[in-house]
Every structure is written in C-alpha cells, then in structure tokens.
Amino acid sequence: MSKVMVVDDSLTDRRVITTYLEQMGLTVLDVNSAEEAMEKLSQYQPSLIVLDVVMGGKSGFEMCRSLKADIDTKKIPVILCSSKSTEADKIWGDVVGADAYIAKPVNRDELIDKVQQLITA
C-alpha cells in the first residue's frame, strides 16, 4: 500500500484531501507545516507528497525545491495544491520541480487522477 504525506496548514483542507486519498486505499500522514514534514520525511518515506503552496514558515514552493534538490527525496512525486492558481503559479511549480499542480478547492476526480498517474509511474 502506498503512503502519501499531505502538507497543509489548513486543517479543513488536510481532512478533505486525506479523506479522498484514504478512499483510494492509501495510507496518509497529514502534517501542518513544511518544517514538520521535513522532520518526519525520513521515518515516514512517502510514495507521494501533496503540498500546499501558501503556508506559514516555509512555503510549498520552497519545500518542493528543497525536496527536488536532495538526492534522498528528489524522486518522490510532489503535487502542489493551492488556492494560488494563476498560470504564473503553475509555471513556478514547474520551475521548482513539482510533478503536478492542482487548484483549491480540490476536485476529487482531478486529485485521484493525478495521484494514480504519479504512483504508478
């Protein structure tokens, strides 16, 4: 069973995303900050990370850049998930190495589709 880490400072958004992922049969660890995620990353070893962009402390863009620059985490697929959904934000997601970018509020079918594509890739 694949493990997914959901990183979002909004409890409501974390619960919605977690519910969708658990309905797919995935194991989910949800955390509320990039800093907490980085601490738990080595022990949890997720198959995929769903990452909010706008958070207190380190942003999702910064965390994604760090993940993709690290030899131990660069192959973990990252889905950026944010209320910031302009074309410029999506381009910036590509620049920092995100594997997908979806807008909030999260569309269940879109999330499931992206997760299936990235976990089976």
PDB file of N, CA and C in Angstrom:
ATOM      1  N   MET A   1       0.846  -1.185   0.000  1.00  0.00           N
ATOM      2  CA  MET A   1       0.000   0.000   0.000  1.00  0.00           C
ATOM      3  C   MET A   1       0.887   1.241   0.000  1.00  0.00           C
ATOM      4  N   SER A   2       0.583   2.168  -0.862  1.00  0.00           N
ATOM      5  CA  SER A   2       1.356   3.398  -0.968  1.00  0.00           C
ATOM      6  C   SER A   2       1.045   4.345   0.180  1.00  0.00           C
ATOM      7  N   LYS A   3       2.088   5.093   0.567  1.00  0.00           N
ATOM      8  CA  LYS A   3       1.941   6.083   1.631  1.00  0.00           C
ATOM      9  C   LYS A   3       2.043   7.478   1.032  1.00  0.00           C
ATOM     10  N   VAL A   4       1.153   8.348   1.470  1.00  0.00           N
ATOM     11  CA  VAL A   4       1.130   9.721   0.985  1.00  0.00           C
ATOM     12  C   VAL A   4       1.237  10.672   2.176  1.00  0.00           C
ATOM     13  N   MET A   5       2.064  11.711   2.018  1.00  0.00           N
ATOM     14  CA  MET A   5       2.158  12.755   3.026  1.00  0.00           C
ATOM     15  C   MET A   5       1.397  13.973   2.507  1.00  0.00           C
ATOM     16  N   VAL A   6       0.475  14.481   3.312  1.00  0.00           N
ATOM     17  CA  VAL A   6      -0.280  15.680   2.972  1.00  0.00           C
ATOM     18  C   VAL A   6       0.224  16.802   3.874  1.00  0.00           C
ATOM     19  N   VAL A   7       0.713  17.872   3.259  1.00  0.00           N
ATOM     20  CA  VAL A   7       1.288  19.000   3.995  1.00  0.00           C
ATOM     21  C   VAL A   7       0.442  20.238   3.706  1.00  0.00           C
ATOM     22  N   ASP A   8      -0.282  20.693   4.722  1.00  0.00           N
ATOM     23  CA  ASP A   8      -1.162  21.851   4.544  1.00  0.00           C
ATOM     24  C   ASP A   8      -1.436  22.445   5.919  1.00  0.00           C
ATOM     25  N   ASP A   9      -1.387  23.768   6.031  1.00  0.00           N
ATOM     26  CA  ASP A   9      -1.646  24.395   7.327  1.00  0.00           C
ATOM     27  C   ASP A   9      -3.138  24.572   7.601  1.00  0.00           C
ATOM     28  N   SER A  10      -3.988  24.226   6.652  1.00  0.00           N
ATOM     29  CA  SER A  10      -5.440  24.281   6.850  1.00  0.00           C
ATOM     30  C   SER A  10      -5.951  22.896   7.245  1.00  0.00           C
ATOM     31  N   LEU A  11      -6.463  22.782   8.458  1.00  0.00           N
ATOM     32  CA  LEU A  11      -6.997  21.511   8.928  1.00  0.00           C
ATOM     33  C   LEU A  11      -8.118  21.021   8.015  1.00  0.00           C
ATOM     34  N   THR A  12      -8.980  21.920   7.584  1.00  0.00           N
ATOM     35  CA  THR A  12     -10.095  21.544   6.711  1.00  0.00           C
ATOM     36  C   THR A  12      -9.586  20.958   5.401  1.00  0.00           C
ATOM     37  N   ASP A  13      -8.633  21.630   4.770  1.00  0.00           N
ATOM     38  CA  ASP A  13      -8.082  21.127   3.506  1.00  0.00           C
ATOM     39  C   ASP A  13      -7.370  19.797   3.706  1.00  0.00           C
ATOM     40  N   ARG A  14      -6.620  19.654   4.803  1.00  0.00           N
ATOM     41  CA  ARG A  14      -5.944  18.381   5.073  1.00  0.00           C
ATOM     42  C   ARG A  14      -6.957  17.249   5.213  1.00  0.00           C
ATOM     43  N   ARG A  15      -8.049  17.512   5.916  1.00  0.00           N
ATOM     44  CA  ARG A  15      -9.074  16.472   6.115  1.00  0.00           C
ATOM     45  C   ARG A  15      -9.733  16.072   4.806  1.00  0.00           C
ATOM     46  N   VAL A  16     -10.051  17.056   3.964  1.00  0.00           N
ATOM     47  CA  VAL A  16     -10.678  16.758   2.678  1.00  0.00           C
ATOM     48  C   VAL A  16      -9.741  15.904   1.821  1.00  0.00           C
ATOM     49  N   ILE A  17      -8.505  16.344   1.678  1.00  0.00           N
ATOM     50  CA  ILE A  17      -7.534  15.619   0.854  1.00  0.00           C
ATOM     51  C   ILE A  17      -7.268  14.232   1.428  1.00  0.00           C
ATOM     52  N   THR A  18      -7.102  14.153   2.742  1.00  0.00           N
ATOM     53  CA  THR A  18      -6.863  12.867   3.396  1.00  0.00           C
ATOM     54  C   THR A  18      -8.021  11.903   3.153  1.00  0.00           C
ATOM     55  N   THR A  19      -9.236  12.383   3.255  1.00  0.00           N
ATOM     56  CA  THR A  19     -10.411  11.539   3.012  1.00  0.00           C
ATOM     57  C   THR A  19     -10.385  10.978   1.596  1.00  0.00           C
ATOM     58  N   TYR A  20     -10.132  11.830   0.616  1.00  0.00           N
ATOM     59  CA  TYR A  20     -10.079  11.371  -0.775  1.00  0.00           C
ATOM     60  C   TYR A  20      -9.003  10.298  -0.963  1.00  0.00           C
ATOM     61  N   LEU A  21      -7.834  10.524  -0.372  1.00  0.00           N
ATOM     62  CA  LEU A  21      -6.729   9.577  -0.531  1.00  0.00           C
ATOM     63  C   LEU A  21      -7.015   8.255   0.181  1.00  0.00           C
ATOM     64  N   GLU A  22      -7.592   8.338   1.366  1.00  0.00           N
ATOM     65  CA  GLU A  22      -7.923   7.106   2.096  1.00  0.00           C
ATOM     66  C   GLU A  22      -8.993   6.309   1.364  1.00  0.00           C
ATOM     67  N   GLN A  23      -9.908   6.994   0.682  1.00  0.00           N
ATOM     68  CA  GLN A  23     -10.919   6.299  -0.120  1.00  0.00           C
ATOM     69  C   GLN A  23     -10.272   5.519  -1.267  1.00  0.00           C
ATOM     70  N   MET A  24      -9.067   5.918  -1.657  1.00  0.00           N
ATOM     71  CA  MET A  24      -8.321   5.203  -2.687  1.00  0.00           C
ATOM     72  C   MET A  24      -7.558   4.014  -2.105  1.00  0.00           C
ATOM     73  N   GLY A  25      -7.597   3.862  -0.787  1.00  0.00           N
ATOM     74  CA  GLY A  25      -6.869   2.780  -0.136  1.00  0.00           C
ATOM     75  C   GLY A  25      -5.444   3.124   0.229  1.00  0.00           C
ATOM     76  N   LEU A  26      -5.113   4.405   0.226  1.00  0.00           N
ATOM     77  CA  LEU A  26      -3.763   4.849   0.550  1.00  0.00           C
ATOM     78  C   LEU A  26      -3.627   5.133   2.042  1.00  0.00           C
ATOM     79  N   THR A  27      -2.435   4.961   2.551  1.00  0.00           N
ATOM     80  CA  THR A  27      -2.111   5.342   3.917  1.00  0.00           C
ATOM     81  C   THR A  27      -1.668   6.801   3.887  1.00  0.00           C
ATOM     82  N   VAL A  28      -2.216   7.608   4.785  1.00  0.00           N
ATOM     83  CA  VAL A  28      -1.945   9.048   4.744  1.00  0.00           C
ATOM     84  C   VAL A  28      -1.397   9.538   6.085  1.00  0.00           C
ATOM     85  N   LEU A  29      -0.340  10.325   6.006  1.00  0.00           N
ATOM     86  CA  LEU A  29       0.160  11.073   7.161  1.00  0.00           C
ATOM     87  C   LEU A  29      -0.065  12.529   6.828  1.00  0.00           C
ATOM     88  N   ASP A  30      -0.842  13.230   7.662  1.00  0.00           N
ATOM     89  CA  ASP A  30      -1.034  14.646   7.393  1.00  0.00           C
ATOM     90  C   ASP A  30      -0.288  15.471   8.427  1.00  0.00           C
ATOM     91  N   VAL A  31       0.373  16.517   7.931  1.00  0.00           N
ATOM     92  CA  VAL A  31       1.150  17.415   8.784  1.00  0.00           C
ATOM     93  C   VAL A  31       0.789  18.849   8.425  1.00  0.00           C
ATOM     94  N   ASN A  32       1.022  19.764   9.382  1.00  0.00           N
ATOM     95  CA  ASN A  32       0.545  21.133   9.172  1.00  0.00           C
ATOM     96  C   ASN A  32       1.607  22.155   8.796  1.00  0.00           C
ATOM     97  N   SER A  33       2.827  21.726   8.506  1.00  0.00           N
ATOM     98  CA  SER A  33       3.851  22.689   8.081  1.00  0.00           C
ATOM     99  C   SER A  33       4.959  21.975   7.313  1.00  0.00           C
ATOM    100  N   ALA A  34       5.662  22.753   6.514  1.00  0.00           N
ATOM    101  CA  ALA A  34       6.799  22.213   5.772  1.00  0.00           C
ATOM    102  C   ALA A  34       7.884  21.747   6.732  1.00  0.00           C
ATOM    103  N   GLU A  35       8.052  22.495   7.808  1.00  0.00           N
ATOM    104  CA  GLU A  35       9.086  22.137   8.787  1.00  0.00           C
ATOM    105  C   GLU A  35       8.782  20.779   9.428  1.00  0.00           C
ATOM    106  N   GLU A  36       7.524  20.559   9.818  1.00  0.00           N
ATOM    107  CA  GLU A  36       7.130  19.276  10.403  1.00  0.00           C
ATOM    108  C   GLU A  36       7.293  18.156   9.368  1.00  0.00           C
ATOM    109  N   ALA A  37       6.934  18.440   8.132  1.00  0.00           N
ATOM    110  CA  ALA A  37       7.067  17.435   7.072  1.00  0.00           C
ATOM    111  C   ALA A  37       8.519  17.030   6.886  1.00  0.00           C
ATOM    112  N   MET A  38       9.421  17.994   6.872  1.00  0.00           N
ATOM    113  CA  MET A  38      10.839  17.682   6.685  1.00  0.00           C
ATOM    114  C   MET A  38      11.374  16.829   7.836  1.00  0.00           C
ATOM    115  N   GLU A  39      10.877  17.070   9.049  1.00  0.00           N
ATOM    116  CA  GLU A  39      11.296  16.274  10.206  1.00  0.00           C
ATOM    117  C   GLU A  39      10.819  14.825  10.083  1.00  0.00           C
ATOM    118  N   LYS A  40       9.619  14.617   9.578  1.00  0.00           N
ATOM    119  CA  LYS A  40       9.019  13.282   9.528  1.00  0.00           C
ATOM    120  C   LYS A  40       9.320  12.521   8.242  1.00  0.00           C
ATOM    121  N   LEU A  41       9.917  13.185   7.288  1.00  0.00           N
ATOM    122  CA  LEU A  41      10.119  12.608   5.973  1.00  0.00           C
ATOM    123  C   LEU A  41      10.936  11.316   5.989  1.00  0.00           C
ATOM    124  N   SER A  42      12.032  11.298   6.706  1.00  0.00           N
ATOM    125  CA  SER A  42      12.902  10.123   6.671  1.00  0.00           C
ATOM    126  C   SER A  42      12.260   8.909   7.338  1.00  0.00           C
ATOM    127  N   GLN A  43      11.490   9.117   8.393  1.00  0.00           N
ATOM    128  CA  GLN A  43      10.871   7.969   9.061  1.00  0.00           C
ATOM    129  C   GLN A  43       9.614   7.497   8.341  1.00  0.00           C
ATOM    130  N   TYR A  44       8.911   8.386   7.651  1.00  0.00           N
ATOM    131  CA  TYR A  44       7.655   8.017   7.001  1.00  0.00           C
ATOM    132  C   TYR A  44       7.863   7.485   5.585  1.00  0.00           C
ATOM    133  N   GLN A  45       8.828   8.025   4.853  1.00  0.00           N
ATOM    134  CA  GLN A  45       9.167   7.628   3.493  1.00  0.00           C
ATOM    135  C   GLN A  45       7.946   7.488   2.585  1.00  0.00           C
ATOM    136  N   PRO A  46       7.316   8.609   2.244  1.00  0.00           N
ATOM    137  CA  PRO A  46       6.108   8.562   1.414  1.00  0.00           C
ATOM    138  C   PRO A  46       6.405   8.227  -0.047  1.00  0.00           C
ATOM    139  N   SER A  47       5.397   7.679  -0.711  1.00  0.00           N
ATOM    140  CA  SER A  47       5.472   7.418  -2.152  1.00  0.00           C
ATOM    141  C   SER A  47       5.106   8.667  -2.934  1.00  0.00           C
ATOM    142  N   LEU A  48       4.454   9.632  -2.250  1.00  0.00           N
ATOM    143  CA  LEU A  48       3.953  10.842  -2.889  1.00  0.00           C
ATOM    144  C   LEU A  48       3.726  11.896  -1.818  1.00  0.00           C
ATOM    145  N   ILE A  49       3.887  13.166  -2.194  1.00  0.00           N
ATOM    146  CA  ILE A  49       3.609  14.275  -1.274  1.00  0.00           C
ATOM    147  C   ILE A  49       2.611  15.222  -1.941  1.00  0.00           C
ATOM    148  N   VAL A  50       1.534  15.542  -1.227  1.00  0.00           N
ATOM    149  CA  VAL A  50       0.587  16.574  -1.654  1.00  0.00           C
ATOM    150  C   VAL A  50       0.898  17.784  -0.791  1.00  0.00           C
ATOM    151  N   LEU A  51       1.265  18.888  -1.430  1.00  0.00           N
ATOM    152  CA  LEU A  51       1.890  20.008  -0.732  1.00  0.00           C
ATOM    153  C   LEU A  51       1.180  21.323  -1.029  1.00  0.00           C
ATOM    154  N   ASP A  52       0.694  21.971   0.022  1.00  0.00           N
ATOM    155  CA  ASP A  52       0.094  23.305  -0.119  1.00  0.00           C
ATOM    156  C   ASP A  52       1.205  24.296  -0.448  1.00  0.00           C
ATOM    157  N   VAL A  53       0.854  25.341  -1.171  1.00  0.00           N
ATOM    158  CA  VAL A  53       1.842  26.362  -1.525  1.00  0.00           C
ATOM    159  C   VAL A  53       1.944  27.431  -0.446  1.00  0.00           C
ATOM    160  N   VAL A  54       0.808  27.968  -0.012  1.00  0.00           N
ATOM    161  CA  VAL A  54       0.810  29.092   0.921  1.00  0.00           C
ATOM    162  C   VAL A  54       0.664  28.583   2.350  1.00  0.00           C
ATOM    163  N   MET A  55       1.778  28.618   3.085  1.00  0.00           N
ATOM    164  CA  MET A  55       1.785  28.187   4.491  1.00  0.00           C
ATOM    165  C   MET A  55       2.652  29.150   5.274  1.00  0.00           C
ATOM    166  N   GLY A  56       2.421  29.206   6.583  1.00  0.00           N
ATOM    167  CA  GLY A  56       3.309  29.975   7.440  1.00  0.00           C
ATOM    168  C   GLY A  56       4.670  29.300   7.452  1.00  0.00           C
ATOM    169  N   GLY A  57       5.710  30.050   7.656  1.00  0.00           N
ATOM    170  CA  GLY A  57       7.049  29.467   7.620  1.00  0.00           C
ATOM    171  C   GLY A  57       7.465  29.217   6.182  1.00  0.00           C
ATOM    172  N   LYS A  58       8.030  28.061   5.931  1.00  0.00           N
ATOM    173  CA  LYS A  58       8.489  27.700   4.593  1.00  0.00           C
ATOM    174  C   LYS A  58       7.298  27.439   3.677  1.00  0.00           C
ATOM    175  N   SER A  59       7.327  28.017   2.485  1.00  0.00           N
ATOM    176  CA  SER A  59       6.232  27.818   1.529  1.00  0.00           C
ATOM    177  C   SER A  59       6.362  26.462   0.845  1.00  0.00           C
ATOM    178  N   GLY A  60       5.289  26.060   0.199  1.00  0.00           N
ATOM    179  CA  GLY A  60       5.318  24.822  -0.566  1.00  0.00           C
ATOM    180  C   GLY A  60       6.313  24.881  -1.715  1.00  0.00           C
ATOM    181  N   PHE A  61       6.439  26.057  -2.342  1.00  0.00           N
ATOM    182  CA  PHE A  61       7.432  26.217  -3.403  1.00  0.00           C
ATOM    183  C   PHE A  61       8.840  25.951  -2.855  1.00  0.00           C
ATOM    184  N   GLU A  62       9.137  26.531  -1.677  1.00  0.00           N
ATOM    185  CA  GLU A  62      10.465  26.346  -1.072  1.00  0.00           C
ATOM    186  C   GLU A  62      10.696  24.886  -0.699  1.00  0.00           C
ATOM    187  N   MET A  63       9.678  24.243  -0.111  1.00  0.00           N
ATOM    188  CA  MET A  63       9.835  22.845   0.284  1.00  0.00           C
ATOM    189  C   MET A  63      10.025  21.962  -0.940  1.00  0.00           C
ATOM    190  N   CYS A  64       9.262  22.202  -1.984  1.00  0.00           N
ATOM    191  CA  CYS A  64       9.389  21.408  -3.203  1.00  0.00           C
ATOM    192  C   CYS A  64      10.797  21.550  -3.785  1.00  0.00           C
ATOM    193  N   ARG A  65      11.295  22.762  -3.843  1.00  0.00           N
ATOM    194  CA  ARG A  65      12.648  23.000  -4.342  1.00  0.00           C
ATOM    195  C   ARG A  65      13.672  22.222  -3.517  1.00  0.00           C
ATOM    196  N   SER A  66      13.515  22.244  -2.182  1.00  0.00           N
ATOM    197  CA  SER A  66      14.425  21.515  -1.302  1.00  0.00           C
ATOM    198  C   SER A  66      14.350  20.002  -1.533  1.00  0.00           C
ATOM    199  N   LEU A  67      13.123  19.494  -1.668  1.00  0.00           N
ATOM    200  CA  LEU A  67      12.940  18.060  -1.895  1.00  0.00           C
ATOM    201  C   LEU A  67      13.610  17.615  -3.195  1.00  0.00           C
ATOM    202  N   LYS A  68      13.412  18.394  -4.247  1.00  0.00           N
ATOM    203  CA  LYS A  68      13.933  18.015  -5.557  1.00  0.00           C
ATOM    204  C   LYS A  68      15.448  18.205  -5.668  1.00  0.00           C
ATOM    205  N   ALA A  69      16.036  18.989  -4.754  1.00  0.00           N
ATOM    206  CA  ALA A  69      17.485  19.200  -4.749  1.00  0.00           C
ATOM    207  C   ALA A  69      18.215  18.149  -3.911  1.00  0.00           C
ATOM    208  N   ASP A  70      17.486  17.389  -3.109  1.00  0.00           N
ATOM    209  CA  ASP A  70      18.086  16.408  -2.198  1.00  0.00           C
ATOM    210  C   ASP A  70      18.083  15.025  -2.844  1.00  0.00           C
ATOM    211  N   ILE A  71      19.219  14.382  -2.870  1.00  0.00           N
ATOM    212  CA  ILE A  71      19.344  13.075  -3.510  1.00  0.00           C
ATOM    213  C   ILE A  71      18.407  12.029  -2.895  1.00  0.00           C
ATOM    214  N   ASP A  72      18.114  12.151  -1.602  1.00  0.00           N
ATOM    215  CA  ASP A  72      17.261  11.171  -0.924  1.00  0.00           C
ATOM    216  C   ASP A  72      15.772  11.367  -1.199  1.00  0.00           C
ATOM    217  N   THR A  73      15.372  12.555  -1.639  1.00  0.00           N
ATOM    218  CA  THR A  73      13.937  12.826  -1.820  1.00  0.00           C
ATOM    219  C   THR A  73      13.561  13.289  -3.225  1.00  0.00           C
ATOM    220  N   LYS A  74      14.535  13.454  -4.099  1.00  0.00           N
ATOM    221  CA  LYS A  74      14.231  14.055  -5.399  1.00  0.00           C
ATOM    222  C   LYS A  74      13.304  13.213  -6.270  1.00  0.00           C
ATOM    223  N   LYS A  75      13.222  11.917  -6.013  1.00  0.00           N
ATOM    224  CA  LYS A  75      12.363  11.060  -6.839  1.00  0.00           C
ATOM    225  C   LYS A  75      10.943  10.921  -6.291  1.00  0.00           C
ATOM    226  N   ILE A  76      10.665  11.510  -5.131  1.00  0.00           N
ATOM    227  CA  ILE A  76       9.306  11.465  -4.585  1.00  0.00           C
ATOM    228  C   ILE A  76       8.443  12.439  -5.381  1.00  0.00           C
ATOM    229  N   PRO A  77       7.369  11.955  -6.016  1.00  0.00           N
ATOM    230  CA  PRO A  77       6.496  12.872  -6.743  1.00  0.00           C
ATOM    231  C   PRO A  77       5.833  13.871  -5.796  1.00  0.00           C
ATOM    232  N   VAL A  78       5.714  15.116  -6.265  1.00  0.00           N
ATOM    233  CA  VAL A  78       5.098  16.178  -5.478  1.00  0.00           C
ATOM    234  C   VAL A  78       3.947  16.782  -6.274  1.00  0.00           C
ATOM    235  N   ILE A  79       2.771  16.825  -5.638  1.00  0.00           N
ATOM    236  CA  ILE A  79       1.628  17.534  -6.205  1.00  0.00           C
ATOM    237  C   ILE A  79       1.465  18.821  -5.403  1.00  0.00           C
ATOM    238  N   LEU A  80       1.659  19.960  -6.041  1.00  0.00           N
ATOM    239  CA  LEU A  80       1.382  21.229  -5.386  1.00  0.00           C
ATOM    240  C   LEU A  80      -0.121  21.469  -5.479  1.00  0.00           C
ATOM    241  N   CYS A  81      -0.678  21.934  -4.380  1.00  0.00           N
ATOM    242  CA  CYS A  81      -2.118  22.104  -4.273  1.00  0.00           C
ATOM    243  C   CYS A  81      -2.354  23.454  -3.609  1.00  0.00           C
ATOM    244  N   SER A  82      -2.981  24.389  -4.348  1.00  0.00           N
ATOM    245  CA  SER A  82      -3.055  25.732  -3.799  1.00  0.00           C
ATOM    246  C   SER A  82      -4.220  26.541  -4.330  1.00  0.00           C
ATOM    247  N   SER A  83      -4.618  27.511  -3.535  1.00  0.00           N
ATOM    248  CA  SER A  83      -5.608  28.492  -3.986  1.00  0.00           C
ATOM    249  C   SER A  83      -4.970  29.473  -4.971  1.00  0.00           C
ATOM    250  N   LYS A  84      -3.634  29.493  -5.013  1.00  0.00           N
ATOM    251  CA  LYS A  84      -2.909  30.311  -5.999  1.00  0.00           C
ATOM    252  C   LYS A  84      -2.870  29.499  -7.295  1.00  0.00           C
ATOM    253  N   SER A  85      -3.741  29.858  -8.231  1.00  0.00           N
ATOM    254  CA  SER A  85      -3.847  29.007  -9.414  1.00  0.00           C
ATOM    255  C   SER A  85      -3.716  29.771 -10.725  1.00  0.00           C
ATOM    256  N   THR A  86      -2.934  30.845 -10.708  1.00  0.00           N
ATOM    257  CA  THR A  86      -2.698  31.563 -11.958  1.00  0.00           C
ATOM    258  C   THR A  86      -1.702  30.772 -12.809  1.00  0.00           C
ATOM    259  N   GLU A  87      -1.610  31.133 -14.054  1.00  0.00           N
ATOM    260  CA  GLU A  87      -0.659  30.462 -14.948  1.00  0.00           C
ATOM    261  C   GLU A  87       0.773  30.655 -14.429  1.00  0.00           C
ATOM    262  N   ALA A  88       1.063  31.835 -13.883  1.00  0.00           N
ATOM    263  CA  ALA A  88       2.399  32.102 -13.335  1.00  0.00           C
ATOM    264  C   ALA A  88       2.713  31.167 -12.163  1.00  0.00           C
ATOM    265  N   ASP A  89       1.714  30.886 -11.313  1.00  0.00           N
ATOM    266  CA  ASP A  89       1.927  29.979 -10.193  1.00  0.00           C
ATOM    267  C   ASP A  89       2.229  28.568 -10.695  1.00  0.00           C
ATOM    268  N   LYS A  90       1.504  28.141 -11.722  1.00  0.00           N
ATOM    269  CA  LYS A  90       1.728  26.809 -12.290  1.00  0.00           C
ATOM    270  C   LYS A  90       3.112  26.714 -12.924  1.00  0.00           C
ATOM    271  N   ILE A  91       3.532  27.774 -13.578  1.00  0.00           N
ATOM    272  CA  ILE A  91       4.874  27.798 -14.169  1.00  0.00           C
ATOM    273  C   ILE A  91       5.921  27.730 -13.062  1.00  0.00           C
ATOM    274  N   TRP A  92       5.710  28.491 -11.994  1.00  0.00           N
ATOM    275  CA  TRP A  92       6.654  28.461 -10.874  1.00  0.00           C
ATOM    276  C   TRP A  92       6.703  27.064 -10.270  1.00  0.00           C
ATOM    277  N   GLY A  93       5.557  26.366 -10.217  1.00  0.00           N
ATOM    278  CA  GLY A  93       5.539  24.977  -9.752  1.00  0.00           C
ATOM    279  C   GLY A  93       6.440  24.103 -10.603  1.00  0.00           C
ATOM    280  N   ASP A  94       6.405  24.297 -11.920  1.00  0.00           N
ATOM    281  CA  ASP A  94       7.306  23.556 -12.812  1.00  0.00           C
ATOM    282  C   ASP A  94       8.760  23.899 -12.522  1.00  0.00           C
ATOM    283  N   VAL A  95       9.024  25.173 -12.304  1.00  0.00           N
ATOM    284  CA  VAL A  95      10.394  25.632 -12.056  1.00  0.00           C
ATOM    285  C   VAL A  95      10.982  24.964 -10.812  1.00  0.00           C
ATOM    286  N   VAL A  96      10.177  24.819  -9.753  1.00  0.00           N
ATOM    287  CA  VAL A  96      10.698  24.227  -8.509  1.00  0.00           C
ATOM    288  C   VAL A  96      10.649  22.700  -8.527  1.00  0.00           C
ATOM    289  N   GLY A  97      10.127  22.121  -9.618  1.00  0.00           N
ATOM    290  CA  GLY A  97      10.201  20.671  -9.773  1.00  0.00           C
ATOM    291  C   GLY A  97       8.943  19.887  -9.448  1.00  0.00           C
ATOM    292  N   ALA A  98       7.811  20.559  -9.249  1.00  0.00           N
ATOM    293  CA  ALA A  98       6.576  19.842  -8.936  1.00  0.00           C
ATOM    294  C   ALA A  98       6.185  18.930 -10.095  1.00  0.00           C
ATOM    295  N   ASP A  99       5.608  17.790  -9.756  1.00  0.00           N
ATOM    296  CA  ASP A  99       5.176  16.834 -10.766  1.00  0.00           C
ATOM    297  C   ASP A  99       3.756  17.120 -11.252  1.00  0.00           C
ATOM    298  N   ALA A 100       2.988  17.868 -10.458  1.00  0.00           N
ATOM    299  CA  ALA A 100       1.629  18.260 -10.833  1.00  0.00           C
ATOM    300  C   ALA A 100       1.237  19.469  -9.996  1.00  0.00           C
ATOM    301  N   TYR A 101       0.215  20.183 -10.467  1.00  0.00           N
ATOM    302  CA  TYR A 101      -0.272  21.372  -9.768  1.00  0.00           C
ATOM    303  C   TYR A 101      -1.780  21.379  -9.887  1.00  0.00           C
ATOM    304  N   ILE A 102      -2.477  21.356  -8.760  1.00  0.00           N
ATOM    305  CA  ILE A 102      -3.936  21.418  -8.796  1.00  0.00           C
ATOM    306  C   ILE A 102      -4.420  22.555  -7.903  1.00  0.00           C
ATOM    307  N   ALA A 103      -5.547  23.132  -8.318  1.00  0.00           N
ATOM    308  CA  ALA A 103      -6.103  24.286  -7.614  1.00  0.00           C
ATOM    309  C   ALA A 103      -7.053  23.857  -6.503  1.00  0.00           C
ATOM    310  N   LYS A 104      -7.152  24.719  -5.488  1.00  0.00           N
ATOM    311  CA  LYS A 104      -8.154  24.549  -4.441  1.00  0.00           C
ATOM    312  C   LYS A 104      -9.362  25.386  -4.811  1.00  0.00           C
ATOM    313  N   PRO A 105     -10.546  24.999  -4.426  1.00  0.00           N
ATOM    314  CA  PRO A 105     -10.843  23.785  -3.679  1.00  0.00           C
ATOM    315  C   PRO A 105     -10.546  22.550  -4.535  1.00  0.00           C
ATOM    316  N   VAL A 106     -10.050  21.530  -3.872  1.00  0.00           N
ATOM    317  CA  VAL A 106      -9.597  20.333  -4.560  1.00  0.00           C
ATOM    318  C   VAL A 106     -10.778  19.597  -5.189  1.00  0.00           C
ATOM    319  N   ASN A 107     -10.621  19.301  -6.462  1.00  0.00           N
ATOM    320  CA  ASN A 107     -11.583  18.478  -7.177  1.00  0.00           C
ATOM    321  C   ASN A 107     -11.179  17.019  -6.955  1.00  0.00           C
ATOM    322  N   ARG A 108     -12.068  16.236  -6.372  1.00  0.00           N
ATOM    323  CA  ARG A 108     -11.775  14.850  -6.011  1.00  0.00           C
ATOM    324  C   ARG A 108     -11.255  14.051  -7.206  1.00  0.00           C
ATOM    325  N   ASP A 109     -11.947  14.128  -8.340  1.00  0.00           N
ATOM    326  CA  ASP A 109     -11.554  13.343  -9.507  1.00  0.00           C
ATOM    327  C   ASP A 109     -10.189  13.763 -10.047  1.00  0.00           C
ATOM    328  N   GLU A 110      -9.922  15.061 -10.042  1.00  0.00           N
ATOM    329  CA  GLU A 110      -8.622  15.540 -10.512  1.00  0.00           C
ATOM    330  C   GLU A 110      -7.496  15.042  -9.602  1.00  0.00           C
ATOM    331  N   LEU A 111      -7.712  15.120  -8.282  1.00  0.00           N
ATOM    332  CA  LEU A 111      -6.706  14.638  -7.337  1.00  0.00           C
ATOM    333  C   LEU A 111      -6.454  13.148  -7.542  1.00  0.00           C
ATOM    334  N   ILE A 112      -7.513  12.370  -7.613  1.00  0.00           N
ATOM    335  CA  ILE A 112      -7.370  10.917  -7.791  1.00  0.00           C
ATOM    336  C   ILE A 112      -6.619  10.604  -9.080  1.00  0.00           C
ATOM    337  N   ASP A 113      -6.965  11.304 -10.152  1.00  0.00           N
ATOM    338  CA  ASP A 113      -6.304  11.088 -11.435  1.00  0.00           C
ATOM    339  C   ASP A 113      -4.808  11.370 -11.345  1.00  0.00           C
ATOM    340  N   LYS A 114      -4.439  12.496 -10.756  1.00  0.00           N
ATOM    341  CA  LYS A 114      -3.017  12.859 -10.631  1.00  0.00           C
ATOM    342  C   LYS A 114      -2.267  11.861  -9.750  1.00  0.00           C
ATOM    343  N   VAL A 115      -2.889  11.484  -8.638  1.00  0.00           N
ATOM    344  CA  VAL A 115      -2.240  10.532  -7.719  1.00  0.00           C
ATOM    345  C   VAL A 115      -2.021   9.198  -8.419  1.00  0.00           C
ATOM    346  N   GLN A 116      -3.019   8.707  -9.119  1.00  0.00           N
ATOM    347  CA  GLN A 116      -2.875   7.429  -9.823  1.00  0.00           C
ATOM    348  C   GLN A 116      -1.775   7.498 -10.871  1.00  0.00           C
ATOM    349  N   GLN A 117      -1.707   8.601 -11.604  1.00  0.00           N
ATOM    350  CA  GLN A 117      -0.661   8.764 -12.612  1.00  0.00           C
ATOM    351  C   GLN A 117       0.733   8.724 -11.993  1.00  0.00           C
ATOM    352  N   LEU A 118       0.885   9.412 -10.867  1.00  0.00           N
ATOM    353  CA  LEU A 118       2.222   9.556 -10.276  1.00  0.00           C
ATOM    354  C   LEU A 118       2.650   8.343  -9.456  1.00  0.00           C
ATOM    355  N   ILE A 119       1.732   7.663  -8.824  1.00  0.00           N
ATOM    356  CA  ILE A 119       2.113   6.496  -8.018  1.00  0.00           C
ATOM    357  C   ILE A 119       2.433   5.310  -8.922  1.00  0.00           C
ATOM    358  N   THR A 120       1.758   5.204 -10.046  1.00  0.00           N
ATOM    359  CA  THR A 120       2.000   4.070 -10.919  1.00  0.00           C
ATOM    360  C   THR A 120       3.097   4.361 -11.959  1.00  0.00           C
ATOM    361  N   ALA A 121       3.590   5.594 -11.970  1.00  0.00           N
ATOM    362  CA  ALA A 121       4.624   5.968 -12.969  1.00  0.00           C
ATOM    363  C   ALA A 121       5.945   5.281 -12.694  1.00  0.00           C
TER     364      ALA A 121
END
